[in-house]
PDB file of N, CA and C in Angstrom:
ATOM      1  N   MET A   1     -45.725  19.922  56.015  1.00  0.00           N
ATOM      2  CA  MET A   1     -46.929  20.557  55.541  1.00  0.00           C
ATOM      3  C   MET A   1     -46.707  21.006  54.094  1.00  0.00           C
ATOM      4  N   LEU A   2     -47.583  20.564  53.228  1.00  0.00           N
ATOM      5  CA  LEU A   2     -47.536  20.955  51.825  1.00  0.00           C
ATOM      6  C   LEU A   2     -47.990  22.406  51.679  1.00  0.00           C
ATOM      7  N   LYS A   3     -47.198  23.196  50.958  1.00  0.00           N
ATOM      8  CA  LYS A   3     -47.594  24.577  50.668  1.00  0.00           C
ATOM      9  C   LYS A   3     -48.161  24.602  49.251  1.00  0.00           C
ATOM     10  N   HIS A   4     -49.392  25.045  49.131  1.00  0.00           N
ATOM     11  CA  HIS A   4     -50.060  25.100  47.842  1.00  0.00           C
ATOM     12  C   HIS A   4     -49.604  26.350  47.105  1.00  0.00           C
ATOM     13  N   ARG A   5     -48.660  26.172  46.207  1.00  0.00           N
ATOM     14  CA  ARG A   5     -48.111  27.290  45.438  1.00  0.00           C
ATOM     15  C   ARG A   5     -49.174  27.877  44.521  1.00  0.00           C
ATOM     16  N   GLY A   6     -49.235  29.181  44.467  1.00  0.00           N
ATOM     17  CA  GLY A   6     -50.185  29.862  43.610  1.00  0.00           C
ATOM     18  C   GLY A   6     -51.545  30.093  44.255  1.00  0.00           C
ATOM     19  N   PHE A   7     -51.765  29.538  45.445  1.00  0.00           N
ATOM     20  CA  PHE A   7     -53.036  29.737  46.138  1.00  0.00           C
ATOM     21  C   PHE A   7     -52.969  31.067  46.882  1.00  0.00           C
ATOM     22  N   PRO A   8     -53.978  31.925  46.774  1.00  0.00           N
ATOM     23  CA  PRO A   8     -53.924  33.233  47.442  1.00  0.00           C
ATOM     24  C   PRO A   8     -53.802  33.092  48.959  1.00  0.00           C
ATOM     25  N   GLY A   9     -53.021  33.946  49.571  1.00  0.00           N
ATOM     26  CA  GLY A   9     -52.827  33.910  51.016  1.00  0.00           C
ATOM     27  C   GLY A   9     -54.011  34.468  51.782  1.00  0.00           C
ATOM     28  N   ARG A  10     -54.759  35.380  51.148  1.00  0.00           N
ATOM     29  CA  ARG A  10     -55.908  35.989  51.799  1.00  0.00           C
ATOM     30  C   ARG A  10     -56.812  36.598  50.750  1.00  0.00           C
ATOM     31  N   LEU A  11     -57.999  36.996  51.170  1.00  0.00           N
ATOM     32  CA  LEU A  11     -58.913  37.704  50.286  1.00  0.00           C
ATOM     33  C   LEU A  11     -58.365  39.109  50.086  1.00  0.00           C
ATOM     34  N   PRO A  12     -58.097  39.512  48.851  1.00  0.00           N
ATOM     35  CA  PRO A  12     -57.501  40.826  48.608  1.00  0.00           C
ATOM     36  C   PRO A  12     -58.293  41.962  49.263  1.00  0.00           C
ATOM     37  N   GLY A  13     -57.569  42.859  49.897  1.00  0.00           N
ATOM     38  CA  GLY A  13     -58.169  44.021  50.530  1.00  0.00           C
ATOM     39  C   GLY A  13     -58.794  43.762  51.884  1.00  0.00           C
ATOM     40  N   THR A  14     -58.609  42.551  52.424  1.00  0.00           N
ATOM     41  CA  THR A  14     -59.205  42.203  53.718  1.00  0.00           C
ATOM     42  C   THR A  14     -58.188  41.463  54.577  1.00  0.00           C
ATOM     43  N   ASP A  15     -58.604  41.130  55.778  1.00  0.00           N
ATOM     44  CA  ASP A  15     -57.782  40.302  56.662  1.00  0.00           C
ATOM     45  C   ASP A  15     -58.283  38.865  56.722  1.00  0.00           C
ATOM     46  N   PHE A  16     -59.122  38.456  55.767  1.00  0.00           N
ATOM     47  CA  PHE A  16     -59.595  37.077  55.738  1.00  0.00           C
ATOM     48  C   PHE A  16     -58.489  36.189  55.189  1.00  0.00           C
ATOM     49  N   GLN A  17     -57.923  35.365  56.060  1.00  0.00           N
ATOM     50  CA  GLN A  17     -56.774  34.523  55.726  1.00  0.00           C
ATOM     51  C   GLN A  17     -57.213  33.241  55.038  1.00  0.00           C
ATOM     52  N   PHE A  18     -56.472  32.837  53.989  1.00  0.00           N
ATOM     53  CA  PHE A  18     -56.750  31.592  53.270  1.00  0.00           C
ATOM     54  C   PHE A  18     -55.679  30.529  53.519  1.00  0.00           C
ATOM     55  N   THR A  19     -54.431  30.941  53.747  1.00  0.00           N
ATOM     56  CA  THR A  19     -53.347  29.974  53.948  1.00  0.00           C
ATOM     57  C   THR A  19     -52.513  30.339  55.172  1.00  0.00           C
ATOM     58  N   LEU A  20     -51.725  29.360  55.605  1.00  0.00           N
ATOM     59  CA  LEU A  20     -50.792  29.546  56.713  1.00  0.00           C
ATOM     60  C   LEU A  20     -49.386  29.723  56.166  1.00  0.00           C
ATOM     61  N   ARG A  21     -48.553  30.410  56.905  1.00  0.00           N
ATOM     62  CA  ARG A  21     -47.156  30.566  56.482  1.00  0.00           C
ATOM     63  C   ARG A  21     -46.321  29.361  56.893  1.00  0.00           C
ATOM     64  N   ARG A  22     -46.577  28.855  58.088  1.00  0.00           N
ATOM     65  CA  ARG A  22     -45.779  27.722  58.569  1.00  0.00           C
ATOM     66  C   ARG A  22     -46.646  26.809  59.433  1.00  0.00           C
ATOM     67  N   ALA A  23     -46.191  25.576  59.573  1.00  0.00           N
ATOM     68  CA  ALA A  23     -46.917  24.577  60.363  1.00  0.00           C
ATOM     69  C   ALA A  23     -46.852  24.920  61.844  1.00  0.00           C
ATOM     70  N   ASN A  24     -47.892  24.582  62.552  1.00  0.00           N
ATOM     71  CA  ASN A  24     -47.924  24.740  63.998  1.00  0.00           C
ATOM     72  C   ASN A  24     -47.111  23.589  64.596  1.00  0.00           C
ATOM     73  N   PRO A  25     -46.104  23.882  65.422  1.00  0.00           N
ATOM     74  CA  PRO A  25     -45.292  22.795  65.987  1.00  0.00           C
ATOM     75  C   PRO A  25     -46.089  21.844  66.880  1.00  0.00           C
ATOM     76  N   LYS A  26     -47.230  22.292  67.414  1.00  0.00           N
ATOM     77  CA  LYS A  26     -48.066  21.433  68.256  1.00  0.00           C
ATOM     78  C   LYS A  26     -48.992  20.551  67.436  1.00  0.00           C
ATOM     79  N   GLY A  27     -49.036  20.765  66.121  1.00  0.00           N
ATOM     80  CA  GLY A  27     -49.912  19.985  65.245  1.00  0.00           C
ATOM     81  C   GLY A  27     -50.966  20.868  64.603  1.00  0.00           C
ATOM     82  N   ALA A  28     -51.624  20.309  63.621  1.00  0.00           N
ATOM     83  CA  ALA A  28     -52.621  21.061  62.863  1.00  0.00           C
ATOM     84  C   ALA A  28     -53.869  21.302  63.700  1.00  0.00           C
ATOM     85  N   THR A  29     -54.476  22.444  63.514  1.00  0.00           N
ATOM     86  CA  THR A  29     -55.758  22.740  64.140  1.00  0.00           C
ATOM     87  C   THR A  29     -56.815  21.834  63.515  1.00  0.00           C
ATOM     88  N   ALA A  30     -57.645  21.257  64.358  1.00  0.00           N
ATOM     89  CA  ALA A  30     -58.662  20.311  63.871  1.00  0.00           C
ATOM     90  C   ALA A  30     -59.699  21.018  63.006  1.00  0.00           C
ATOM     91  N   LEU A  31     -60.100  20.352  61.935  1.00  0.00           N
ATOM     92  CA  LEU A  31     -61.199  20.844  61.118  1.00  0.00           C
ATOM     93  C   LEU A  31     -62.505  20.456  61.807  1.00  0.00           C
ATOM     94  N   THR A  32     -63.407  21.411  61.941  1.00  0.00           N
ATOM     95  CA  THR A  32     -64.720  21.154  62.524  1.00  0.00           C
ATOM     96  C   THR A  32     -65.769  21.789  61.627  1.00  0.00           C
ATOM     97  N   GLN A  33     -66.952  21.246  61.657  1.00  0.00           N
ATOM     98  CA  GLN A  33     -68.022  21.817  60.853  1.00  0.00           C
ATOM     99  C   GLN A  33     -68.625  22.985  61.616  1.00  0.00           C
ATOM    100  N   ARG A  34     -68.465  24.200  61.086  1.00  0.00           N
ATOM    101  CA  ARG A  34     -69.034  25.396  61.703  1.00  0.00           C
ATOM    102  C   ARG A  34     -70.396  25.685  61.092  1.00  0.00           C
ATOM    103  N   GLU A  35     -71.305  26.093  61.924  1.00  0.00           N
ATOM    104  CA  GLU A  35     -72.650  26.424  61.459  1.00  0.00           C
ATOM    105  C   GLU A  35     -72.649  27.801  60.800  1.00  0.00           C
ATOM    106  N   ARG A  36     -73.192  27.873  59.579  1.00  0.00           N
ATOM    107  CA  ARG A  36     -73.314  29.157  58.878  1.00  0.00           C
ATOM    108  C   ARG A  36     -74.757  29.625  59.015  1.00  0.00           C
ATOM    109  N   TYR A  37     -74.958  30.655  59.805  1.00  0.00           N
ATOM    110  CA  TYR A  37     -76.297  31.183  60.019  1.00  0.00           C
ATOM    111  C   TYR A  37     -76.654  32.185  58.929  1.00  0.00           C
ATOM    112  N   ALA A  38     -77.948  32.355  58.699  1.00  0.00           N
ATOM    113  CA  ALA A  38     -78.427  33.239  57.634  1.00  0.00           C
ATOM    114  C   ALA A  38     -78.066  34.703  57.875  1.00  0.00           C
ATOM    115  N   ASP A  39     -77.813  35.078  59.116  1.00  0.00           N
ATOM    116  CA  ASP A  39     -77.525  36.483  59.412  1.00  0.00           C
ATOM    117  C   ASP A  39     -76.027  36.802  59.442  1.00  0.00           C
ATOM    118  N   ARG A  40     -75.198  35.957  58.822  1.00  0.00           N
ATOM    119  CA  ARG A  40     -73.759  36.255  58.763  1.00  0.00           C
ATOM    120  C   ARG A  40     -73.524  37.526  57.975  1.00  0.00           C
ATOM    121  N   ARG A  41     -72.449  38.221  58.314  1.00  0.00           N
ATOM    122  CA  ARG A  41     -72.115  39.471  57.630  1.00  0.00           C
ATOM    123  C   ARG A  41     -71.834  39.210  56.154  1.00  0.00           C
ATOM    124  N   PRO A  42     -72.172  40.161  55.281  1.00  0.00           N
ATOM    125  CA  PRO A  42     -71.892  40.001  53.855  1.00  0.00           C
ATOM    126  C   PRO A  42     -70.404  39.765  53.559  1.00  0.00           C
ATOM    127  N   ALA A  43     -69.518  40.394  54.331  1.00  0.00           N
ATOM    128  CA  ALA A  43     -68.078  40.199  54.123  1.00  0.00           C
ATOM    129  C   ALA A  43     -67.676  38.751  54.397  1.00  0.00           C
ATOM    130  N   ASP A  44     -68.269  38.143  55.414  1.00  0.00           N
ATOM    131  CA  ASP A  44     -67.987  36.735  55.714  1.00  0.00           C
ATOM    132  C   ASP A  44     -68.481  35.820  54.600  1.00  0.00           C
ATOM    133  N   ARG A  45     -69.666  36.109  54.094  1.00  0.00           N
ATOM    134  CA  ARG A  45     -70.208  35.299  52.991  1.00  0.00           C
ATOM    135  C   ARG A  45     -69.349  35.454  51.737  1.00  0.00           C
ATOM    136  N   LYS A  46     -68.878  36.672  51.484  1.00  0.00           N
ATOM    137  CA  LYS A  46     -68.015  36.899  50.320  1.00  0.00           C
ATOM    138  C   LYS A  46     -66.693  36.142  50.472  1.00  0.00           C
ATOM    139  N   ALA A  47     -66.138  36.132  51.691  1.00  0.00           N
ATOM    140  CA  ALA A  47     -64.891  35.406  51.931  1.00  0.00           C
ATOM    141  C   ALA A  47     -65.080  33.906  51.700  1.00  0.00           C
ATOM    142  N   ASP A  48     -66.203  33.354  52.134  1.00  0.00           N
ATOM    143  CA  ASP A  48     -66.490  31.932  51.901  1.00  0.00           C
ATOM    144  C   ASP A  48     -66.576  31.637  50.408  1.00  0.00           C
ATOM    145  N   ALA A  49     -67.290  32.481  49.682  1.00  0.00           N
ATOM    146  CA  ALA A  49     -67.448  32.281  48.239  1.00  0.00           C
ATOM    147  C   ALA A  49     -66.116  32.419  47.515  1.00  0.00           C
ATOM    148  N   ALA A  50     -65.313  33.410  47.901  1.00  0.00           N
ATOM    149  CA  ALA A  50     -64.007  33.601  47.262  1.00  0.00           C
ATOM    150  C   ALA A  50     -63.078  32.425  47.565  1.00  0.00           C
ATOM    151  N   PHE A  51     -63.117  31.925  48.795  1.00  0.00           N
ATOM    152  CA  PHE A  51     -62.296  30.769  49.151  1.00  0.00           C
ATOM    153  C   PHE A  51     -62.711  29.549  48.334  1.00  0.00           C
ATOM    154  N   MET A  52     -64.025  29.343  48.180  1.00  0.00           N
ATOM    155  CA  MET A  52     -64.507  28.221  47.363  1.00  0.00           C
ATOM    156  C   MET A  52     -64.059  28.396  45.915  1.00  0.00           C
ATOM    157  N   ALA A  53     -64.109  29.608  45.400  1.00  0.00           N
ATOM    158  CA  ALA A  53     -63.663  29.856  44.021  1.00  0.00           C
ATOM    159  C   ALA A  53     -62.185  29.526  43.875  1.00  0.00           C
ATOM    160  N   CYS A  54     -61.385  29.891  44.860  1.00  0.00           N
ATOM    161  CA  CYS A  54     -59.945  29.583  44.820  1.00  0.00           C
ATOM    162  C   CYS A  54     -59.708  28.080  44.890  1.00  0.00           C
ATOM    163  N   LEU A  55     -60.456  27.388  45.761  1.00  0.00           N
ATOM    164  CA  LEU A  55     -60.325  25.929  45.855  1.00  0.00           C
ATOM    165  C   LEU A  55     -60.674  25.277  44.518  1.00  0.00           C
ATOM    166  N   TRP A  56     -61.779  25.703  43.920  1.00  0.00           N
ATOM    167  CA  TRP A  56     -62.203  25.112  42.653  1.00  0.00           C
ATOM    168  C   TRP A  56     -61.192  25.409  41.553  1.00  0.00           C
ATOM    169  N   ASN A  57     -60.702  26.635  41.516  1.00  0.00           N
ATOM    170  CA  ASN A  57     -59.725  27.035  40.501  1.00  0.00           C
ATOM    171  C   ASN A  57     -58.426  26.232  40.645  1.00  0.00           C
ATOM    172  N   GLN A  58     -58.011  25.961  41.874  1.00  0.00           N
ATOM    173  CA  GLN A  58     -56.748  25.261  42.131  1.00  0.00           C
ATOM    174  C   GLN A  58     -56.872  23.744  41.984  1.00  0.00           C
ATOM    175  N   PHE A  59     -57.995  23.154  42.471  1.00  0.00           N
ATOM    176  CA  PHE A  59     -58.082  21.696  42.569  1.00  0.00           C
ATOM    177  C   PHE A  59     -59.184  21.065  41.725  1.00  0.00           C
ATOM    178  N   GLY A  60     -60.201  21.794  41.363  1.00  0.00           N
ATOM    179  CA  GLY A  60     -61.314  21.224  40.620  1.00  0.00           C
ATOM    180  C   GLY A  60     -61.979  20.110  41.412  1.00  0.00           C
ATOM    181  N   ASP A  61     -62.330  19.034  40.726  1.00  0.00           N
ATOM    182  CA  ASP A  61     -63.007  17.932  41.402  1.00  0.00           C
ATOM    183  C   ASP A  61     -62.047  16.850  41.906  1.00  0.00           C
ATOM    184  N   GLU A  62     -60.753  17.128  41.853  1.00  0.00           N
ATOM    185  CA  GLU A  62     -59.743  16.169  42.317  1.00  0.00           C
ATOM    186  C   GLU A  62     -59.530  16.285  43.842  1.00  0.00           C
ATOM    187  N   PRO A  63     -59.215  15.167  44.511  1.00  0.00           N
ATOM    188  CA  PRO A  63     -58.858  15.248  45.936  1.00  0.00           C
ATOM    189  C   PRO A  63     -57.603  16.103  46.120  1.00  0.00           C
ATOM    190  N   PHE A  64     -57.529  16.793  47.243  1.00  0.00           N
ATOM    191  CA  PHE A  64     -56.375  17.641  47.527  1.00  0.00           C
ATOM    192  C   PHE A  64     -55.975  17.509  48.989  1.00  0.00           C
ATOM    193  N   GLU A  65     -54.696  17.741  49.233  1.00  0.00           N
ATOM    194  CA  GLU A  65     -54.149  17.674  50.582  1.00  0.00           C
ATOM    195  C   GLU A  65     -54.446  18.982  51.308  1.00  0.00           C
ATOM    196  N   ARG A  66     -54.798  18.877  52.570  1.00  0.00           N
ATOM    197  CA  ARG A  66     -55.096  20.061  53.372  1.00  0.00           C
ATOM    198  C   ARG A  66     -53.922  21.025  53.395  1.00  0.00           C
ATOM    199  N   GLY A  67     -52.737  20.524  53.662  1.00  0.00           N
ATOM    200  CA  GLY A  67     -51.523  21.339  53.620  1.00  0.00           C
ATOM    201  C   GLY A  67     -51.631  22.625  54.399  1.00  0.00           C
ATOM    202  N   ASN A  68     -51.290  23.751  53.743  1.00  0.00           N
ATOM    203  CA  ASN A  68     -51.254  25.039  54.434  1.00  0.00           C
ATOM    204  C   ASN A  68     -52.561  25.820  54.327  1.00  0.00           C
ATOM    205  N   LEU A  69     -53.647  25.162  53.946  1.00  0.00           N
ATOM    206  CA  LEU A  69     -54.938  25.845  53.898  1.00  0.00           C
ATOM    207  C   LEU A  69     -55.411  26.132  55.324  1.00  0.00           C
ATOM    208  N   ASP A  70     -55.950  27.314  55.543  1.00  0.00           N
ATOM    209  CA  ASP A  70     -56.348  27.762  56.877  1.00  0.00           C
ATOM    210  C   ASP A  70     -57.508  26.927  57.421  1.00  0.00           C
ATOM    211  N   ALA A  71     -57.325  26.380  58.621  1.00  0.00           N
ATOM    212  CA  ALA A  71     -58.341  25.519  59.239  1.00  0.00           C
ATOM    213  C   ALA A  71     -59.622  26.295  59.534  1.00  0.00           C
ATOM    214  N   GLY A  72     -59.492  27.534  59.971  1.00  0.00           N
ATOM    215  CA  GLY A  72     -60.679  28.329  60.258  1.00  0.00           C
ATOM    216  C   GLY A  72     -61.523  28.553  59.022  1.00  0.00           C
ATOM    217  N   ARG A  73     -60.901  28.900  57.910  1.00  0.00           N
ATOM    218  CA  ARG A  73     -61.636  29.141  56.665  1.00  0.00           C
ATOM    219  C   ARG A  73     -62.198  27.834  56.123  1.00  0.00           C
ATOM    220  N   LEU A  74     -61.417  26.740  56.191  1.00  0.00           N
ATOM    221  CA  LEU A  74     -61.914  25.435  55.738  1.00  0.00           C
ATOM    222  C   LEU A  74     -63.100  24.960  56.566  1.00  0.00           C
ATOM    223  N   SER A  75     -63.083  25.269  57.871  1.00  0.00           N
ATOM    224  CA  SER A  75     -64.147  24.793  58.756  1.00  0.00           C
ATOM    225  C   SER A  75     -65.508  25.376  58.404  1.00  0.00           C
ATOM    226  N   TRP A  76     -65.537  26.566  57.794  1.00  0.00           N
ATOM    227  CA  TRP A  76     -66.823  27.126  57.369  1.00  0.00           C
ATOM    228  C   TRP A  76     -67.439  26.321  56.226  1.00  0.00           C
ATOM    229  N   LEU A  77     -66.616  25.578  55.489  1.00  0.00           N
ATOM    230  CA  LEU A  77     -67.089  24.778  54.355  1.00  0.00           C
ATOM    231  C   LEU A  77     -67.093  23.276  54.649  1.00  0.00           C
ATOM    232  N   PHE A  78     -66.340  22.862  55.660  1.00  0.00           N
ATOM    233  CA  PHE A  78     -66.122  21.446  55.956  1.00  0.00           C
ATOM    234  C   PHE A  78     -67.434  20.750  56.343  1.00  0.00           C
ATOM    235  N   GLY A  79     -67.602  19.563  55.792  1.00  0.00           N
ATOM    236  CA  GLY A  79     -68.780  18.758  56.093  1.00  0.00           C
ATOM    237  C   GLY A  79     -69.944  19.032  55.158  1.00  0.00           C
ATOM    238  N   ARG A  80     -69.848  20.087  54.375  1.00  0.00           N
ATOM    239  CA  ARG A  80     -70.891  20.408  53.396  1.00  0.00           C
ATOM    240  C   ARG A  80     -70.272  20.460  52.006  1.00  0.00           C
ATOM    241  N   GLU A  81     -69.626  21.593  51.686  1.00  0.00           N
ATOM    242  CA  GLU A  81     -69.042  21.766  50.354  1.00  0.00           C
ATOM    243  C   GLU A  81     -67.660  21.129  50.217  1.00  0.00           C
ATOM    244  N   VAL A  82     -66.944  21.001  51.311  1.00  0.00           N
ATOM    245  CA  VAL A  82     -65.641  20.332  51.333  1.00  0.00           C
ATOM    246  C   VAL A  82     -65.768  19.144  52.279  1.00  0.00           C
ATOM    247  N   VAL A  83     -65.485  17.951  51.757  1.00  0.00           N
ATOM    248  CA  VAL A  83     -65.688  16.725  52.524  1.00  0.00           C
ATOM    249  C   VAL A  83     -64.402  15.894  52.521  1.00  0.00           C
ATOM    250  N   PRO A  84     -64.271  14.973  53.497  1.00  0.00           N
ATOM    251  CA  PRO A  84     -63.103  14.091  53.496  1.00  0.00           C
ATOM    252  C   PRO A  84     -63.067  13.234  52.231  1.00  0.00           C
ATOM    253  N   ALA A  85     -61.868  13.021  51.714  1.00  0.00           N
ATOM    254  CA  ALA A  85     -61.702  12.195  50.518  1.00  0.00           C
ATOM    255  C   ALA A  85     -61.280  10.781  50.870  1.00  0.00           C
ATOM    256  N   THR A  86     -60.952  10.527  52.124  1.00  0.00           N
ATOM    257  CA  THR A  86     -60.514   9.198  52.558  1.00  0.00           C
ATOM    258  C   THR A  86     -61.254   8.804  53.827  1.00  0.00           C
ATOM    259  N   ASP A  87     -61.275   7.506  54.068  1.00  0.00           N
ATOM    260  CA  ASP A  87     -61.835   6.990  55.303  1.00  0.00           C
ATOM    261  C   ASP A  87     -60.853   5.967  55.835  1.00  0.00           C
ATOM    262  N   PRO A  88     -60.296   6.085  56.992  1.00  0.00           N
ATOM    263  CA  PRO A  88     -60.597   7.067  58.026  1.00  0.00           C
ATOM    264  C   PRO A  88     -59.992   8.434  57.703  1.00  0.00           C
ATOM    265  N   PHE A  89     -60.562   9.462  58.325  1.00  0.00           N
ATOM    266  CA  PHE A  89     -60.118  10.836  58.116  1.00  0.00           C
ATOM    267  C   PHE A  89     -59.641  11.411  59.444  1.00  0.00           C
ATOM    268  N   ASP A  90     -58.462  12.008  59.440  1.00  0.00           N
ATOM    269  CA  ASP A  90     -57.926  12.647  60.641  1.00  0.00           C
ATOM    270  C   ASP A  90     -58.049  14.161  60.477  1.00  0.00           C
ATOM    271  N   PRO A  91     -58.942  14.821  61.223  1.00  0.00           N
ATOM    272  CA  PRO A  91     -59.142  16.262  61.072  1.00  0.00           C
ATOM    273  C   PRO A  91     -57.970  17.103  61.589  1.00  0.00           C
ATOM    274  N   GLU A  92     -56.981  16.475  62.226  1.00  0.00           N
ATOM    275  CA  GLU A  92     -55.830  17.199  62.761  1.00  0.00           C
ATOM    276  C   GLU A  92     -54.546  16.873  62.006  1.00  0.00           C
ATOM    277  N   ASP A  93     -54.664  16.447  60.753  1.00  0.00           N
ATOM    278  CA  ASP A  93     -53.506  16.053  59.960  1.00  0.00           C
ATOM    279  C   ASP A  93     -53.345  16.991  58.771  1.00  0.00           C
ATOM    280  N   TYR A  94     -52.149  17.575  58.622  1.00  0.00           N
ATOM    281  CA  TYR A  94     -51.873  18.440  57.479  1.00  0.00           C
ATOM    282  C   TYR A  94     -51.924  17.663  56.155  1.00  0.00           C
ATOM    283  N   GLU A  95     -51.726  16.340  56.214  1.00  0.00           N
ATOM    284  CA  GLU A  95     -51.713  15.519  55.003  1.00  0.00           C
ATOM    285  C   GLU A  95     -53.071  14.904  54.684  1.00  0.00           C
ATOM    286  N   ALA A  96     -54.098  15.254  55.448  1.00  0.00           N
ATOM    287  CA  ALA A  96     -55.443  14.723  55.208  1.00  0.00           C
ATOM    288  C   ALA A  96     -55.931  15.141  53.821  1.00  0.00           C
ATOM    289  N   LEU A  97     -56.603  14.206  53.145  1.00  0.00           N
ATOM    290  CA  LEU A  97     -57.129  14.487  51.807  1.00  0.00           C
ATOM    291  C   LEU A  97     -58.584  14.933  51.883  1.00  0.00           C
ATOM    292  N   LEU A  98     -58.881  15.990  51.143  1.00  0.00           N
ATOM    293  CA  LEU A  98     -60.220  16.554  51.065  1.00  0.00           C
ATOM    294  C   LEU A  98     -60.648  16.594  49.604  1.00  0.00           C
ATOM    295  N   ARG A  99     -61.925  16.817  49.376  1.00  0.00           N
ATOM    296  CA  ARG A  99     -62.414  17.037  48.018  1.00  0.00           C
ATOM    297  C   ARG A  99     -63.627  17.954  48.092  1.00  0.00           C
ATOM    298  N   ILE A 100     -63.913  18.583  46.973  1.00  0.00           N
ATOM    299  CA  ILE A 100     -65.073  19.469  46.886  1.00  0.00           C
ATOM    300  C   ILE A 100     -66.277  18.633  46.472  1.00  0.00           C
ATOM    301  N   ASP A 101     -67.369  18.754  47.215  1.00  0.00           N
ATOM    302  CA  ASP A 101     -68.633  18.131  46.834  1.00  0.00           C
ATOM    303  C   ASP A 101     -69.280  19.114  45.852  1.00  0.00           C
ATOM    304  N   GLU A 102     -69.003  18.897  44.571  1.00  0.00           N
ATOM    305  CA  GLU A 102     -69.369  19.877  43.539  1.00  0.00           C
ATOM    306  C   GLU A 102     -70.844  20.254  43.515  1.00  0.00           C
ATOM    307  N   PRO A 103     -71.783  19.300  43.548  1.00  0.00           N
ATOM    308  CA  PRO A 103     -73.192  19.714  43.513  1.00  0.00           C
ATOM    309  C   PRO A 103     -73.577  20.629  44.681  1.00  0.00           C
ATOM    310  N   ARG A 104     -73.124  20.311  45.883  1.00  0.00           N
ATOM    311  CA  ARG A 104     -73.439  21.148  47.054  1.00  0.00           C
ATOM    312  C   ARG A 104     -72.734  22.489  46.972  1.00  0.00           C
ATOM    313  N   ALA A 105     -71.496  22.486  46.487  1.00  0.00           N
ATOM    314  CA  ALA A 105     -70.746  23.740  46.382  1.00  0.00           C
ATOM    315  C   ALA A 105     -71.373  24.666  45.347  1.00  0.00           C
ATOM    316  N   ARG A 106     -71.798  24.119  44.228  1.00  0.00           N
ATOM    317  CA  ARG A 106     -72.443  24.938  43.188  1.00  0.00           C
ATOM    318  C   ARG A 106     -73.770  25.503  43.684  1.00  0.00           C
ATOM    319  N   ALA A 107     -74.495  24.729  44.479  1.00  0.00           N
ATOM    320  CA  ALA A 107     -75.773  25.215  45.019  1.00  0.00           C
ATOM    321  C   ALA A 107     -75.554  26.319  46.052  1.00  0.00           C
ATOM    322  N   ALA A 108     -74.531  26.168  46.880  1.00  0.00           N
ATOM    323  CA  ALA A 108     -74.282  27.144  47.942  1.00  0.00           C
ATOM    324  C   ALA A 108     -73.571  28.395  47.446  1.00  0.00           C
ATOM    325  N   PHE A 109     -72.664  28.232  46.474  1.00  0.00           N
ATOM    326  CA  PHE A 109     -71.847  29.348  45.998  1.00  0.00           C
ATOM    327  C   PHE A 109     -71.819  29.398  44.473  1.00  0.00           C
ATOM    328  N   PRO A 110     -72.944  29.681  43.821  1.00  0.00           N
ATOM    329  CA  PRO A 110     -72.934  29.704  42.349  1.00  0.00           C
ATOM    330  C   PRO A 110     -71.959  30.732  41.784  1.00  0.00           C
ATOM    331  N   GLU A 111     -71.749  31.833  42.493  1.00  0.00           N
ATOM    332  CA  GLU A 111     -70.833  32.869  42.032  1.00  0.00           C
ATOM    333  C   GLU A 111     -69.374  32.406  42.027  1.00  0.00           C
ATOM    334  N   ALA A 112     -69.067  31.366  42.783  1.00  0.00           N
ATOM    335  CA  ALA A 112     -67.703  30.848  42.832  1.00  0.00           C
ATOM    336  C   ALA A 112     -67.337  30.077  41.569  1.00  0.00           C
ATOM    337  N   PHE A 113     -68.332  29.679  40.811  1.00  0.00           N
ATOM    338  CA  PHE A 113     -68.098  28.839  39.638  1.00  0.00           C
ATOM    339  C   PHE A 113     -68.278  29.568  38.315  1.00  0.00           C
ATOM    340  N   ASP A 114     -68.788  30.796  38.360  1.00  0.00           N
ATOM    341  CA  ASP A 114     -69.014  31.518  37.116  1.00  0.00           C
ATOM    342  C   ASP A 114     -67.838  32.407  36.713  1.00  0.00           C
ATOM    343  N   GLY A 115     -66.787  32.435  37.552  1.00  0.00           N
ATOM    344  CA  GLY A 115     -65.580  33.184  37.215  1.00  0.00           C
ATOM    345  C   GLY A 115     -65.602  34.649  37.607  1.00  0.00           C
ATOM    346  N   SER A 116     -66.701  35.146  38.123  1.00  0.00           N
ATOM    347  CA  SER A 116     -66.799  36.577  38.447  1.00  0.00           C
ATOM    348  C   SER A 116     -66.021  36.958  39.699  1.00  0.00           C
ATOM    349  N   LEU A 117     -65.809  36.027  40.629  1.00  0.00           N
ATOM    350  CA  LEU A 117     -65.110  36.351  41.872  1.00  0.00           C
ATOM    351  C   LEU A 117     -63.597  36.488  41.678  1.00  0.00           C
ATOM    352  N   LEU A 118     -63.037  35.775  40.738  1.00  0.00           N
ATOM    353  CA  LEU A 118     -61.589  35.794  40.557  1.00  0.00           C
ATOM    354  C   LEU A 118     -61.166  36.687  39.406  1.00  0.00           C
ATOM    355  N   ALA A 119     -62.081  37.410  38.821  1.00  0.00           N
ATOM    356  CA  ALA A 119     -61.766  38.282  37.688  1.00  0.00           C
ATOM    357  C   ALA A 119     -61.080  39.555  38.139  1.00  0.00           C
TER     358      ALA A 119
END
């Protein structure tokens, strides 16, 4: 499992996890597309936006390996703002390549791209 050096482990001041410390010996947790409902808590929405800002800051528009990125946090963005970069795609592989769908990500999380979240 690739460890993304310099990527924040969690949202500061919260328990919202962004990365894993070590690989699961049983294999990676599958990425699934989670439905984001309009009535989600503001803290959850902030965590999604901060995670997107970190992804953009670290990888930009280049494909990136899933590695130690948290499957639960990725699943909130997967299938919309974060999409598979290869076909076929294995959602249970730590080496799976992903990429940010920039137009959709900018529409969903404009604050993630203006630099205010990571300041």
